[in-house]
Amino acid sequence: MLLNYQHKSRITFSLILVGDRSLLTQVGRIPQLDERLAVKSMLQPLSREETDRYVAHRLQVSGITEPIFDESAMDELFELSGGVPRKINRICDLALLVGYADGMTVFSGSQVEAVSEELVGVVPA
């Protein structure tokens, strides 16, 4: 119903769906929705260079002026995340939280790896 809403022959809003690859399959199962989508785009994982720029930008926007992930940390971050922004965010978020608690100002590859292992810790049964 929302996608049919127009005012004086003018569309008054855009609907943007964002998700992982399975969203395309889900949308494809609803022909009434699928045929109304003007553009479909699949975002690919970031390259190593794009990952560097992405992290630098996110840190700059948050007010960080000095680099806090050294080269080995960025290598490890890219390796662990595969360039997927959601995974980059999760690893960096936990690294920054642990770093704050431990009074760290710069992160190495081994520290990023240790933080990542905490994300996949096993919950006792």
PDB file of N, CA and C in Angstrom:
ATOM      1  N   MET A   1       0.817  -1.200   0.000  1.00  0.00           N
ATOM      2  CA  MET A   1       0.000   0.000   0.000  1.00  0.00           C
ATOM      3  C   MET A   1       0.862   1.267   0.000  1.00  0.00           C
ATOM      4  N   LEU A   2       1.923   1.279   0.764  1.00  0.00           N
ATOM      5  CA  LEU A   2       2.774   2.468   0.818  1.00  0.00           C
ATOM      6  C   LEU A   2       3.393   2.804  -0.530  1.00  0.00           C
ATOM      7  N   LEU A   3       3.748   1.772  -1.288  1.00  0.00           N
ATOM      8  CA  LEU A   3       4.388   2.020  -2.576  1.00  0.00           C
ATOM      9  C   LEU A   3       3.416   2.555  -3.612  1.00  0.00           C
ATOM     10  N   ASN A   4       2.140   2.505  -3.351  1.00  0.00           N
ATOM     11  CA  ASN A   4       1.140   3.045  -4.265  1.00  0.00           C
ATOM     12  C   ASN A   4       0.754   4.481  -3.898  1.00  0.00           C
ATOM     13  N   TYR A   5       1.286   5.001  -2.826  1.00  0.00           N
ATOM     14  CA  TYR A   5       0.899   6.328  -2.355  1.00  0.00           C
ATOM     15  C   TYR A   5       1.537   7.415  -3.206  1.00  0.00           C
ATOM     16  N   GLN A   6       0.688   8.238  -3.801  1.00  0.00           N
ATOM     17  CA  GLN A   6       1.144   9.382  -4.586  1.00  0.00           C
ATOM     18  C   GLN A   6       0.255  10.570  -4.253  1.00  0.00           C
ATOM     19  N   HIS A   7       0.797  11.735  -4.462  1.00  0.00           N
ATOM     20  CA  HIS A   7       0.028  12.951  -4.238  1.00  0.00           C
ATOM     21  C   HIS A   7       0.148  13.810  -5.488  1.00  0.00           C
ATOM     22  N   LYS A   8      -0.980  14.062  -6.157  1.00  0.00           N
ATOM     23  CA  LYS A   8      -1.020  14.869  -7.374  1.00  0.00           C
ATOM     24  C   LYS A   8      -0.006  14.355  -8.395  1.00  0.00           C
ATOM     25  N   SER A   9      -0.071  13.090  -8.665  1.00  0.00           N
ATOM     26  CA  SER A   9       0.773  12.392  -9.637  1.00  0.00           C
ATOM     27  C   SER A   9       2.275  12.535  -9.361  1.00  0.00           C
ATOM     28  N   ARG A  10       2.603  12.742  -8.120  1.00  0.00           N
ATOM     29  CA  ARG A  10       4.008  12.859  -7.722  1.00  0.00           C
ATOM     30  C   ARG A  10       4.268  11.901  -6.564  1.00  0.00           C
ATOM     31  N   ILE A  11       5.312  11.100  -6.673  1.00  0.00           N
ATOM     32  CA  ILE A  11       5.670  10.206  -5.580  1.00  0.00           C
ATOM     33  C   ILE A  11       6.249  11.057  -4.457  1.00  0.00           C
ATOM     34  N   THR A  12       5.772  10.843  -3.252  1.00  0.00           N
ATOM     35  CA  THR A  12       6.169  11.711  -2.151  1.00  0.00           C
ATOM     36  C   THR A  12       7.259  11.130  -1.260  1.00  0.00           C
ATOM     37  N   PHE A  13       7.662   9.907  -1.508  1.00  0.00           N
ATOM     38  CA  PHE A  13       8.757   9.340  -0.727  1.00  0.00           C
ATOM     39  C   PHE A  13       9.405   8.192  -1.482  1.00  0.00           C
ATOM     40  N   SER A  14      10.575   7.811  -1.016  1.00  0.00           N
ATOM     41  CA  SER A  14      11.287   6.659  -1.572  1.00  0.00           C
ATOM     42  C   SER A  14      11.426   5.614  -0.479  1.00  0.00           C
ATOM     43  N   LEU A  15      11.278   4.381  -0.842  1.00  0.00           N
ATOM     44  CA  LEU A  15      11.471   3.269   0.075  1.00  0.00           C
ATOM     45  C   LEU A  15      12.808   2.633  -0.249  1.00  0.00           C
ATOM     46  N   ILE A  16      13.663   2.548   0.753  1.00  0.00           N
ATOM     47  CA  ILE A  16      14.978   1.953   0.573  1.00  0.00           C
ATOM     48  C   ILE A  16      15.086   0.765   1.513  1.00  0.00           C
ATOM     49  N   LEU A  17      15.373  -0.400   0.935  1.00  0.00           N
ATOM     50  CA  LEU A  17      15.573  -1.612   1.717  1.00  0.00           C
ATOM     51  C   LEU A  17      17.058  -1.926   1.722  1.00  0.00           C
ATOM     52  N   VAL A  18      17.599  -2.198   2.893  1.00  0.00           N
ATOM     53  CA  VAL A  18      19.010  -2.512   3.006  1.00  0.00           C
ATOM     54  C   VAL A  18      19.145  -3.810   3.785  1.00  0.00           C
ATOM     55  N   GLY A  19      19.961  -4.719   3.255  1.00  0.00           N
ATOM     56  CA  GLY A  19      20.165  -5.978   3.947  1.00  0.00           C
ATOM     57  C   GLY A  19      21.206  -6.811   3.250  1.00  0.00           C
ATOM     58  N   ASP A  20      21.336  -8.041   3.681  1.00  0.00           N
ATOM     59  CA  ASP A  20      22.314  -8.911   3.036  1.00  0.00           C
ATOM     60  C   ASP A  20      21.698  -9.561   1.806  1.00  0.00           C
ATOM     61  N   ARG A  21      22.451 -10.446   1.182  1.00  0.00           N
ATOM     62  CA  ARG A  21      22.044 -11.029  -0.097  1.00  0.00           C
ATOM     63  C   ARG A  21      20.696 -11.735  -0.044  1.00  0.00           C
ATOM     64  N   SER A  22      20.365 -12.298   1.094  1.00  0.00           N
ATOM     65  CA  SER A  22      19.102 -13.033   1.191  1.00  0.00           C
ATOM     66  C   SER A  22      17.893 -12.108   1.029  1.00  0.00           C
ATOM     67  N   LEU A  23      18.082 -10.799   1.234  1.00  0.00           N
ATOM     68  CA  LEU A  23      16.965  -9.866   1.057  1.00  0.00           C
ATOM     69  C   LEU A  23      16.478  -9.860  -0.390  1.00  0.00           C
ATOM     70  N   LEU A  24      17.385  -9.959  -1.350  1.00  0.00           N
ATOM     71  CA  LEU A  24      16.977 -10.005  -2.760  1.00  0.00           C
ATOM     72  C   LEU A  24      16.087 -11.212  -3.028  1.00  0.00           C
ATOM     73  N   THR A  25      16.431 -12.340  -2.442  1.00  0.00           N
ATOM     74  CA  THR A  25      15.625 -13.552  -2.604  1.00  0.00           C
ATOM     75  C   THR A  25      14.258 -13.365  -1.967  1.00  0.00           C
ATOM     76  N   GLN A  26      14.239 -12.787  -0.783  1.00  0.00           N
ATOM     77  CA  GLN A  26      12.980 -12.563  -0.074  1.00  0.00           C
ATOM     78  C   GLN A  26      12.059 -11.622  -0.866  1.00  0.00           C
ATOM     79  N   VAL A  27      12.636 -10.541  -1.372  1.00  0.00           N
ATOM     80  CA  VAL A  27      11.851  -9.578  -2.152  1.00  0.00           C
ATOM     81  C   VAL A  27      11.344 -10.239  -3.427  1.00  0.00           C
ATOM     82  N   GLY A  28      12.172 -11.083  -4.043  1.00  0.00           N
ATOM     83  CA  GLY A  28      11.774 -11.780  -5.267  1.00  0.00           C
ATOM     84  C   GLY A  28      10.578 -12.702  -5.079  1.00  0.00           C
ATOM     85  N   ARG A  29      10.330 -13.096  -3.855  1.00  0.00           N
ATOM     86  CA  ARG A  29       9.184 -13.972  -3.554  1.00  0.00           C
ATOM     87  C   ARG A  29       7.869 -13.207  -3.451  1.00  0.00           C
ATOM     88  N   ILE A  30       7.964 -11.898  -3.485  1.00  0.00           N
ATOM     89  CA  ILE A  30       6.766 -11.044  -3.406  1.00  0.00           C
ATOM     90  C   ILE A  30       6.714 -10.217  -4.686  1.00  0.00           C
ATOM     91  N   PRO A  31       6.103 -10.756  -5.731  1.00  0.00           N
ATOM     92  CA  PRO A  31       6.122 -10.077  -7.036  1.00  0.00           C
ATOM     93  C   PRO A  31       5.591  -8.640  -6.981  1.00  0.00           C
ATOM     94  N   GLN A  32       4.573  -8.390  -6.158  1.00  0.00           N
ATOM     95  CA  GLN A  32       4.002  -7.043  -6.075  1.00  0.00           C
ATOM     96  C   GLN A  32       5.033  -6.037  -5.560  1.00  0.00           C
ATOM     97  N   LEU A  33       5.923  -6.469  -4.687  1.00  0.00           N
ATOM     98  CA  LEU A  33       6.978  -5.592  -4.190  1.00  0.00           C
ATOM     99  C   LEU A  33       8.144  -5.548  -5.177  1.00  0.00           C
ATOM    100  N   ASP A  34       8.541  -6.700  -5.667  1.00  0.00           N
ATOM    101  CA  ASP A  34       9.685  -6.803  -6.565  1.00  0.00           C
ATOM    102  C   ASP A  34       9.519  -5.931  -7.809  1.00  0.00           C
ATOM    103  N   GLU A  35       8.330  -5.913  -8.395  1.00  0.00           N
ATOM    104  CA  GLU A  35       8.119  -5.136  -9.626  1.00  0.00           C
ATOM    105  C   GLU A  35       8.075  -3.636  -9.379  1.00  0.00           C
ATOM    106  N   ARG A  36       7.932  -3.213  -8.142  1.00  0.00           N
ATOM    107  CA  ARG A  36       7.892  -1.788  -7.827  1.00  0.00           C
ATOM    108  C   ARG A  36       9.260  -1.205  -7.485  1.00  0.00           C
ATOM    109  N   LEU A  37      10.240  -2.063  -7.333  1.00  0.00           N
ATOM    110  CA  LEU A  37      11.575  -1.568  -7.000  1.00  0.00           C
ATOM    111  C   LEU A  37      12.272  -1.085  -8.264  1.00  0.00           C
ATOM    112  N   ALA A  38      12.611   0.185  -8.276  1.00  0.00           N
ATOM    113  CA  ALA A  38      13.216   0.780  -9.467  1.00  0.00           C
ATOM    114  C   ALA A  38      14.677   0.373  -9.620  1.00  0.00           C
ATOM    115  N   VAL A  39      15.375   0.241  -8.527  1.00  0.00           N
ATOM    116  CA  VAL A  39      16.803  -0.059  -8.566  1.00  0.00           C
ATOM    117  C   VAL A  39      17.111  -1.136  -7.538  1.00  0.00           C
ATOM    118  N   LYS A  40      17.907  -2.107  -7.948  1.00  0.00           N
ATOM    119  CA  LYS A  40      18.414  -3.122  -7.026  1.00  0.00           C
ATOM    120  C   LYS A  40      19.922  -3.112  -7.160  1.00  0.00           C
ATOM    121  N   SER A  41      20.607  -3.119  -6.055  1.00  0.00           N
ATOM    122  CA  SER A  41      22.055  -3.067  -6.097  1.00  0.00           C
ATOM    123  C   SER A  41      22.626  -3.992  -5.031  1.00  0.00           C
ATOM    124  N   MET A  42      23.679  -4.682  -5.397  1.00  0.00           N
ATOM    125  CA  MET A  42      24.351  -5.570  -4.468  1.00  0.00           C
ATOM    126  C   MET A  42      25.692  -4.953  -4.100  1.00  0.00           C
ATOM    127  N   LEU A  43      25.862  -4.624  -2.833  1.00  0.00           N
ATOM    128  CA  LEU A  43      27.131  -4.076  -2.383  1.00  0.00           C
ATOM    129  C   LEU A  43      28.121  -5.209  -2.179  1.00  0.00           C
ATOM    130  N   GLN A  44      29.303  -5.030  -2.689  1.00  0.00           N
ATOM    131  CA  GLN A  44      30.369  -6.014  -2.531  1.00  0.00           C
ATOM    132  C   GLN A  44      31.203  -5.654  -1.301  1.00  0.00           C
ATOM    133  N   PRO A  45      31.907  -6.620  -0.730  1.00  0.00           N
ATOM    134  CA  PRO A  45      32.801  -6.293   0.387  1.00  0.00           C
ATOM    135  C   PRO A  45      33.827  -5.250  -0.038  1.00  0.00           C
ATOM    136  N   LEU A  46      34.298  -4.495   0.918  1.00  0.00           N
ATOM    137  CA  LEU A  46      35.304  -3.470   0.653  1.00  0.00           C
ATOM    138  C   LEU A  46      36.658  -4.110   0.379  1.00  0.00           C
ATOM    139  N   SER A  47      37.463  -3.441  -0.432  1.00  0.00           N
ATOM    140  CA  SER A  47      38.847  -3.875  -0.650  1.00  0.00           C
ATOM    141  C   SER A  47      39.666  -3.471   0.580  1.00  0.00           C
ATOM    142  N   ARG A  48      40.918  -3.866   0.602  1.00  0.00           N
ATOM    143  CA  ARG A  48      41.797  -3.500   1.722  1.00  0.00           C
ATOM    144  C   ARG A  48      41.929  -1.987   1.814  1.00  0.00           C
ATOM    145  N   GLU A  49      42.117  -1.330   0.677  1.00  0.00           N
ATOM    146  CA  GLU A  49      42.261   0.130   0.671  1.00  0.00           C
ATOM    147  C   GLU A  49      40.953   0.812   1.094  1.00  0.00           C
ATOM    148  N   GLU A  50      39.838   0.295   0.619  1.00  0.00           N
ATOM    149  CA  GLU A  50      38.541   0.861   1.004  1.00  0.00           C
ATOM    150  C   GLU A  50      38.287   0.663   2.493  1.00  0.00           C
ATOM    151  N   THR A  51      38.726  -0.464   3.027  1.00  0.00           N
ATOM    152  CA  THR A  51      38.580  -0.713   4.458  1.00  0.00           C
ATOM    153  C   THR A  51      39.367   0.327   5.250  1.00  0.00           C
ATOM    154  N   ASP A  52      40.590   0.613   4.819  1.00  0.00           N
ATOM    155  CA  ASP A  52      41.397   1.645   5.482  1.00  0.00           C
ATOM    156  C   ASP A  52      40.672   2.989   5.477  1.00  0.00           C
ATOM    157  N   ARG A  53      40.174   3.378   4.304  1.00  0.00           N
ATOM    158  CA  ARG A  53      39.484   4.668   4.181  1.00  0.00           C
ATOM    159  C   ARG A  53      38.188   4.682   5.005  1.00  0.00           C
ATOM    160  N   TYR A  54      37.481   3.558   5.013  1.00  0.00           N
ATOM    161  CA  TYR A  54      36.233   3.458   5.767  1.00  0.00           C
ATOM    162  C   TYR A  54      36.488   3.664   7.265  1.00  0.00           C
ATOM    163  N   VAL A  55      37.465   2.946   7.797  1.00  0.00           N
ATOM    164  CA  VAL A  55      37.782   3.068   9.225  1.00  0.00           C
ATOM    165  C   VAL A  55      38.279   4.478   9.538  1.00  0.00           C
ATOM    166  N   ALA A  56      39.149   5.015   8.704  1.00  0.00           N
ATOM    167  CA  ALA A  56      39.673   6.370   8.923  1.00  0.00           C
ATOM    168  C   ALA A  56      38.534   7.392   8.934  1.00  0.00           C
ATOM    169  N   HIS A  57      37.604   7.242   8.002  1.00  0.00           N
ATOM    170  CA  HIS A  57      36.468   8.168   7.938  1.00  0.00           C
ATOM    171  C   HIS A  57      35.602   8.056   9.191  1.00  0.00           C
ATOM    172  N   ARG A  58      35.286   6.836   9.586  1.00  0.00           N
ATOM    173  CA  ARG A  58      34.442   6.646  10.775  1.00  0.00           C
ATOM    174  C   ARG A  58      35.104   7.228  12.020  1.00  0.00           C
ATOM    175  N   LEU A  59      36.411   7.058  12.134  1.00  0.00           N
ATOM    176  CA  LEU A  59      37.128   7.621  13.282  1.00  0.00           C
ATOM    177  C   LEU A  59      37.156   9.147  13.216  1.00  0.00           C
ATOM    178  N   GLN A  60      37.365   9.692  12.016  1.00  0.00           N
ATOM    179  CA  GLN A  60      37.402  11.149  11.856  1.00  0.00           C
ATOM    180  C   GLN A  60      36.053  11.762  12.220  1.00  0.00           C
ATOM    181  N   VAL A  61      34.979  11.164  11.763  1.00  0.00           N
ATOM    182  CA  VAL A  61      33.639  11.678  12.055  1.00  0.00           C
ATOM    183  C   VAL A  61      33.366  11.663  13.562  1.00  0.00           C
ATOM    184  N   SER A  62      33.950  10.680  14.252  1.00  0.00           N
ATOM    185  CA  SER A  62      33.730  10.587  15.694  1.00  0.00           C
ATOM    186  C   SER A  62      34.655  11.511  16.487  1.00  0.00           C
ATOM    187  N   GLY A  63      35.560  12.208  15.777  1.00  0.00           N
ATOM    188  CA  GLY A  63      36.418  13.183  16.445  1.00  0.00           C
ATOM    189  C   GLY A  63      37.837  12.715  16.714  1.00  0.00           C
ATOM    190  N   ILE A  64      38.197  11.523  16.269  1.00  0.00           N
ATOM    191  CA  ILE A  64      39.554  11.013  16.454  1.00  0.00           C
ATOM    192  C   ILE A  64      40.460  11.658  15.407  1.00  0.00           C
ATOM    193  N   THR A  65      41.569  12.239  15.857  1.00  0.00           N
ATOM    194  CA  THR A  65      42.466  12.909  14.920  1.00  0.00           C
ATOM    195  C   THR A  65      43.750  12.127  14.667  1.00  0.00           C
ATOM    196  N   GLU A  66      44.135  11.238  15.570  1.00  0.00           N
ATOM    197  CA  GLU A  66      45.346  10.435  15.417  1.00  0.00           C
ATOM    198  C   GLU A  66      44.972   9.008  15.022  1.00  0.00           C
ATOM    199  N   PRO A  67      45.782   8.347  14.174  1.00  0.00           N
ATOM    200  CA  PRO A  67      45.494   6.948  13.844  1.00  0.00           C
ATOM    201  C   PRO A  67      45.608   6.078  15.096  1.00  0.00           C
ATOM    202  N   ILE A  68      44.655   5.190  15.288  1.00  0.00           N
ATOM    203  CA  ILE A  68      44.705   4.335  16.474  1.00  0.00           C
ATOM    204  C   ILE A  68      44.833   2.856  16.126  1.00  0.00           C
ATOM    205  N   PHE A  69      44.669   2.509  14.844  1.00  0.00           N
ATOM    206  CA  PHE A  69      44.888   1.138  14.394  1.00  0.00           C
ATOM    207  C   PHE A  69      46.152   1.147  13.533  1.00  0.00           C
ATOM    208  N   ASP A  70      47.204   0.455  14.003  1.00  0.00           N
ATOM    209  CA  ASP A  70      48.428   0.434  13.197  1.00  0.00           C
ATOM    210  C   ASP A  70      48.235  -0.460  11.975  1.00  0.00           C
ATOM    211  N   GLU A  71      49.255  -0.537  11.139  1.00  0.00           N
ATOM    212  CA  GLU A  71      49.152  -1.279   9.872  1.00  0.00           C
ATOM    213  C   GLU A  71      48.810  -2.752  10.100  1.00  0.00           C
ATOM    214  N   SER A  72      49.430  -3.364  11.108  1.00  0.00           N
ATOM    215  CA  SER A  72      49.133  -4.775  11.386  1.00  0.00           C
ATOM    216  C   SER A  72      47.695  -4.948  11.873  1.00  0.00           C
ATOM    217  N   ALA A  73      47.185  -3.956  12.602  1.00  0.00           N
ATOM    218  CA  ALA A  73      45.787  -4.007  13.062  1.00  0.00           C
ATOM    219  C   ALA A  73      44.833  -3.921  11.876  1.00  0.00           C
ATOM    220  N   MET A  74      45.161  -3.071  10.918  1.00  0.00           N
ATOM    221  CA  MET A  74      44.315  -2.945   9.736  1.00  0.00           C
ATOM    222  C   MET A  74      44.377  -4.198   8.879  1.00  0.00           C
ATOM    223  N   ASP A  75      45.572  -4.808   8.789  1.00  0.00           N
ATOM    224  CA  ASP A  75      45.690  -6.080   8.061  1.00  0.00           C
ATOM    225  C   ASP A  75      44.796  -7.137   8.704  1.00  0.00           C
ATOM    226  N   GLU A  76      44.872  -7.233  10.020  1.00  0.00           N
ATOM    227  CA  GLU A  76      44.086  -8.231  10.755  1.00  0.00           C
ATOM    228  C   GLU A  76      42.587  -7.929  10.651  1.00  0.00           C
ATOM    229  N   LEU A  77      42.237  -6.671  10.754  1.00  0.00           N
ATOM    230  CA  LEU A  77      40.836  -6.272  10.649  1.00  0.00           C
ATOM    231  C   LEU A  77      40.266  -6.665   9.293  1.00  0.00           C
ATOM    232  N   PHE A  78      41.017  -6.406   8.239  1.00  0.00           N
ATOM    233  CA  PHE A  78      40.553  -6.771   6.904  1.00  0.00           C
ATOM    234  C   PHE A  78      40.439  -8.290   6.761  1.00  0.00           C
ATOM    235  N   GLU A  79      41.427  -8.993   7.257  1.00  0.00           N
ATOM    236  CA  GLU A  79      41.421 -10.456   7.167  1.00  0.00           C
ATOM    237  C   GLU A  79      40.215 -11.047   7.915  1.00  0.00           C
ATOM    238  N   LEU A  80      39.959 -10.557   9.094  1.00  0.00           N
ATOM    239  CA  LEU A  80      38.871 -11.092   9.925  1.00  0.00           C
ATOM    240  C   LEU A  80      37.485 -10.711   9.403  1.00  0.00           C
ATOM    241  N   SER A  81      37.379  -9.511   8.854  1.00  0.00           N
ATOM    242  CA  SER A  81      36.069  -9.014   8.422  1.00  0.00           C
ATOM    243  C   SER A  81      35.749  -9.369   6.981  1.00  0.00           C
ATOM    244  N   GLY A  82      36.762  -9.675   6.199  1.00  0.00           N
ATOM    245  CA  GLY A  82      36.552  -9.918   4.783  1.00  0.00           C
ATOM    246  C   GLY A  82      36.084  -8.678   4.038  1.00  0.00           C
ATOM    247  N   GLY A  83      36.255  -7.512   4.662  1.00  0.00           N
ATOM    248  CA  GLY A  83      35.835  -6.262   4.030  1.00  0.00           C
ATOM    249  C   GLY A  83      34.352  -5.955   4.181  1.00  0.00           C
ATOM    250  N   VAL A  84      33.653  -6.730   5.000  1.00  0.00           N
ATOM    251  CA  VAL A  84      32.212  -6.515   5.207  1.00  0.00           C
ATOM    252  C   VAL A  84      32.035  -5.431   6.275  1.00  0.00           C
ATOM    253  N   PRO A  85      31.433  -4.294   5.909  1.00  0.00           N
ATOM    254  CA  PRO A  85      31.331  -3.172   6.852  1.00  0.00           C
ATOM    255  C   PRO A  85      30.705  -3.534   8.203  1.00  0.00           C
ATOM    256  N   ARG A  86      29.690  -4.346   8.213  1.00  0.00           N
ATOM    257  CA  ARG A  86      29.054  -4.712   9.481  1.00  0.00           C
ATOM    258  C   ARG A  86      30.054  -5.426  10.392  1.00  0.00           C
ATOM    259  N   LYS A  87      30.864  -6.314   9.823  1.00  0.00           N
ATOM    260  CA  LYS A  87      31.875  -7.019  10.618  1.00  0.00           C
ATOM    261  C   LYS A  87      32.992  -6.070  11.047  1.00  0.00           C
ATOM    262  N   ILE A  88      33.380  -5.168  10.158  1.00  0.00           N
ATOM    263  CA  ILE A  88      34.388  -4.155  10.512  1.00  0.00           C
ATOM    264  C   ILE A  88      33.896  -3.357  11.712  1.00  0.00           C
ATOM    265  N   ASN A  89      32.645  -2.926  11.665  1.00  0.00           N
ATOM    266  CA  ASN A  89      32.078  -2.132  12.755  1.00  0.00           C
ATOM    267  C   ASN A  89      32.084  -2.893  14.072  1.00  0.00           C
ATOM    268  N   ARG A  90      31.681  -4.169  14.024  1.00  0.00           N
ATOM    269  CA  ARG A  90      31.618  -4.965  15.263  1.00  0.00           C
ATOM    270  C   ARG A  90      32.995  -5.138  15.878  1.00  0.00           C
ATOM    271  N   ILE A  91      33.977  -5.466  15.059  1.00  0.00           N
ATOM    272  CA  ILE A  91      35.331  -5.679  15.572  1.00  0.00           C
ATOM    273  C   ILE A  91      35.905  -4.374  16.117  1.00  0.00           C
ATOM    274  N   CYS A  92      35.762  -3.297  15.366  1.00  0.00           N
ATOM    275  CA  CYS A  92      36.284  -2.003  15.815  1.00  0.00           C
ATOM    276  C   CYS A  92      35.576  -1.519  17.078  1.00  0.00           C
ATOM    277  N   ASP A  93      34.274  -1.704  17.139  1.00  0.00           N
ATOM    278  CA  ASP A  93      33.516  -1.275  18.313  1.00  0.00           C
ATOM    279  C   ASP A  93      34.032  -1.966  19.563  1.00  0.00           C
ATOM    280  N   LEU A  94      34.197  -3.269  19.494  1.00  0.00           N
ATOM    281  CA  LEU A  94      34.687  -3.995  20.662  1.00  0.00           C
ATOM    282  C   LEU A  94      36.138  -3.632  20.969  1.00  0.00           C
ATOM    283  N   ALA A  95      36.954  -3.452  19.929  1.00  0.00           N
ATOM    284  CA  ALA A  95      38.354  -3.051  20.144  1.00  0.00           C
ATOM    285  C   ALA A  95      38.414  -1.708  20.870  1.00  0.00           C
ATOM    286  N   LEU A  96      37.596  -0.773  20.454  1.00  0.00           N
ATOM    287  CA  LEU A  96      37.595   0.540  21.099  1.00  0.00           C
ATOM    288  C   LEU A  96      37.096   0.456  22.541  1.00  0.00           C
ATOM    289  N   LEU A  97      36.108  -0.387  22.784  1.00  0.00           N
ATOM    290  CA  LEU A  97      35.599  -0.560  24.145  1.00  0.00           C
ATOM    291  C   LEU A  97      36.664  -1.173  25.045  1.00  0.00           C
ATOM    292  N   VAL A  98      37.295  -2.255  24.581  1.00  0.00           N
ATOM    293  CA  VAL A  98      38.355  -2.906  25.355  1.00  0.00           C
ATOM    294  C   VAL A  98      39.538  -1.948  25.519  1.00  0.00           C
ATOM    295  N   GLY A  99      39.880  -1.257  24.445  1.00  0.00           N
ATOM    296  CA  GLY A  99      40.985  -0.302  24.504  1.00  0.00           C
ATOM    297  C   GLY A  99      40.735   0.806  25.506  1.00  0.00           C
ATOM    298  N   TYR A 100      39.519   1.297  25.556  1.00  0.00           N
ATOM    299  CA  TYR A 100      39.184   2.343  26.527  1.00  0.00           C
ATOM    300  C   TYR A 100      39.335   1.814  27.949  1.00  0.00           C
ATOM    301  N   ALA A 101      38.807   0.605  28.179  1.00  0.00           N
ATOM    302  CA  ALA A 101      38.881   0.010  29.517  1.00  0.00           C
ATOM    303  C   ALA A 101      40.329  -0.241  29.940  1.00  0.00           C
ATOM    304  N   ASP A 102      41.188  -0.582  28.971  1.00  0.00           N
ATOM    305  CA  ASP A 102      42.591  -0.879  29.274  1.00  0.00           C
ATOM    306  C   ASP A 102      43.503   0.328  29.107  1.00  0.00           C
ATOM    307  N   GLY A 103      42.959   1.474  28.734  1.00  0.00           N
ATOM    308  CA  GLY A 103      43.758   2.683  28.572  1.00  0.00           C
ATOM    309  C   GLY A 103      44.673   2.658  27.363  1.00  0.00           C
ATOM    310  N   MET A 104      44.275   1.943  26.328  1.00  0.00           N
ATOM    311  CA  MET A 104      45.094   1.824  25.122  1.00  0.00           C
ATOM    312  C   MET A 104      44.837   3.006  24.187  1.00  0.00           C
ATOM    313  N   THR A 105      45.876   3.403  23.458  1.00  0.00           N
ATOM    314  CA  THR A 105      45.718   4.487  22.487  1.00  0.00           C
ATOM    315  C   THR A 105      45.995   4.029  21.061  1.00  0.00           C
ATOM    316  N   VAL A 106      46.701   2.901  20.899  1.00  0.00           N
ATOM    317  CA  VAL A 106      46.997   2.348  19.585  1.00  0.00           C
ATOM    318  C   VAL A 106      46.789   0.838  19.654  1.00  0.00           C
ATOM    319  N   PHE A 107      46.214   0.280  18.573  1.00  0.00           N
ATOM    320  CA  PHE A 107      45.924  -1.149  18.524  1.00  0.00           C
ATOM    321  C   PHE A 107      46.822  -1.835  17.507  1.00  0.00           C
ATOM    322  N   SER A 108      47.284  -3.037  17.868  1.00  0.00           N
ATOM    323  CA  SER A 108      48.098  -3.848  16.968  1.00  0.00           C
ATOM    324  C   SER A 108      47.242  -4.977  16.399  1.00  0.00           C
ATOM    325  N   GLY A 109      47.815  -5.713  15.465  1.00  0.00           N
ATOM    326  CA  GLY A 109      47.110  -6.838  14.863  1.00  0.00           C
ATOM    327  C   GLY A 109      46.745  -7.903  15.880  1.00  0.00           C
ATOM    328  N   SER A 110      47.644  -8.197  16.795  1.00  0.00           N
ATOM    329  CA  SER A 110      47.359  -9.226  17.798  1.00  0.00           C
ATOM    330  C   SER A 110      46.235  -8.796  18.735  1.00  0.00           C
ATOM    331  N   GLN A 111      46.147  -7.510  19.023  1.00  0.00           N
ATOM    332  CA  GLN A 111      45.062  -7.017  19.877  1.00  0.00           C
ATOM    333  C   GLN A 111      43.720  -7.094  19.149  1.00  0.00           C
ATOM    334  N   VAL A 112      43.703  -6.777  17.862  1.00  0.00           N
ATOM    335  CA  VAL A 112      42.473  -6.889  17.078  1.00  0.00           C
ATOM    336  C   VAL A 112      42.055  -8.353  16.983  1.00  0.00           C
ATOM    337  N   GLU A 113      43.016  -9.239  16.806  1.00  0.00           N
ATOM    338  CA  GLU A 113      42.701 -10.664  16.745  1.00  0.00           C
ATOM    339  C   GLU A 113      42.114 -11.150  18.070  1.00  0.00           C
ATOM    340  N   ALA A 114      42.701 -10.723  19.178  1.00  0.00           N
ATOM    341  CA  ALA A 114      42.199 -11.122  20.495  1.00  0.00           C
ATOM    342  C   ALA A 114      40.772 -10.631  20.717  1.00  0.00           C
ATOM    343  N   VAL A 115      40.506  -9.413  20.299  1.00  0.00           N
ATOM    344  CA  VAL A 115      39.159  -8.859  20.428  1.00  0.00           C
ATOM    345  C   VAL A 115      38.176  -9.651  19.573  1.00  0.00           C
ATOM    346  N   SER A 116      38.592  -9.995  18.373  1.00  0.00           N
ATOM    347  CA  SER A 116      37.730 -10.758  17.475  1.00  0.00           C
ATOM    348  C   SER A 116      37.369 -12.115  18.059  1.00  0.00           C
ATOM    349  N   GLU A 117      38.332 -12.737  18.730  1.00  0.00           N
ATOM    350  CA  GLU A 117      38.058 -14.029  19.363  1.00  0.00           C
ATOM    351  C   GLU A 117      37.001 -13.915  20.442  1.00  0.00           C
ATOM    352  N   GLU A 118      36.936 -12.757  21.106  1.00  0.00           N
ATOM    353  CA  GLU A 118      35.903 -12.545  22.111  1.00  0.00           C
ATOM    354  C   GLU A 118      34.517 -12.488  21.488  1.00  0.00           C
ATOM    355  N   LEU A 119      34.436 -12.018  20.240  1.00  0.00           N
ATOM    356  CA  LEU A 119      33.145 -11.960  19.556  1.00  0.00           C
ATOM    357  C   LEU A 119      32.574 -13.340  19.257  1.00  0.00           C
ATOM    358  N   VAL A 120      33.434 -14.325  19.107  1.00  0.00           N
ATOM    359  CA  VAL A 120      32.970 -15.672  18.770  1.00  0.00           C
ATOM    360  C   VAL A 120      33.134 -16.618  19.949  1.00  0.00           C
ATOM    361  N   GLY A 121      33.203 -16.063  21.150  1.00  0.00           N
ATOM    362  CA  GLY A 121      33.331 -16.891  22.347  1.00  0.00           C
ATOM    363  C   GLY A 121      32.159 -17.859  22.473  1.00  0.00           C
ATOM    364  N   VAL A 122      32.424 -18.985  23.093  1.00  0.00           N
ATOM    365  CA  VAL A 122      31.405 -20.016  23.258  1.00  0.00           C
ATOM    366  C   VAL A 122      30.633 -19.758  24.543  1.00  0.00           C
ATOM    367  N   VAL A 123      29.318 -19.784  24.423  1.00  0.00           N
ATOM    368  CA  VAL A 123      28.446 -19.607  25.580  1.00  0.00           C
ATOM    369  C   VAL A 123      28.229 -20.982  26.202  1.00  0.00           C
ATOM    370  N   PRO A 124      28.461 -21.144  27.522  1.00  0.00           N
ATOM    371  CA  PRO A 124      28.262 -22.447  28.146  1.00  0.00           C
ATOM    372  C   PRO A 124      26.814 -22.919  28.035  1.00  0.00           C
ATOM    373  N   ALA A 125      26.644 -24.222  27.888  1.00  0.00           N
ATOM    374  CA  ALA A 125      25.303 -24.788  27.740  1.00  0.00           C
ATOM    375  C   ALA A 125      24.602 -24.912  29.065  1.00  0.00           C
TER     376      ALA A 125
END
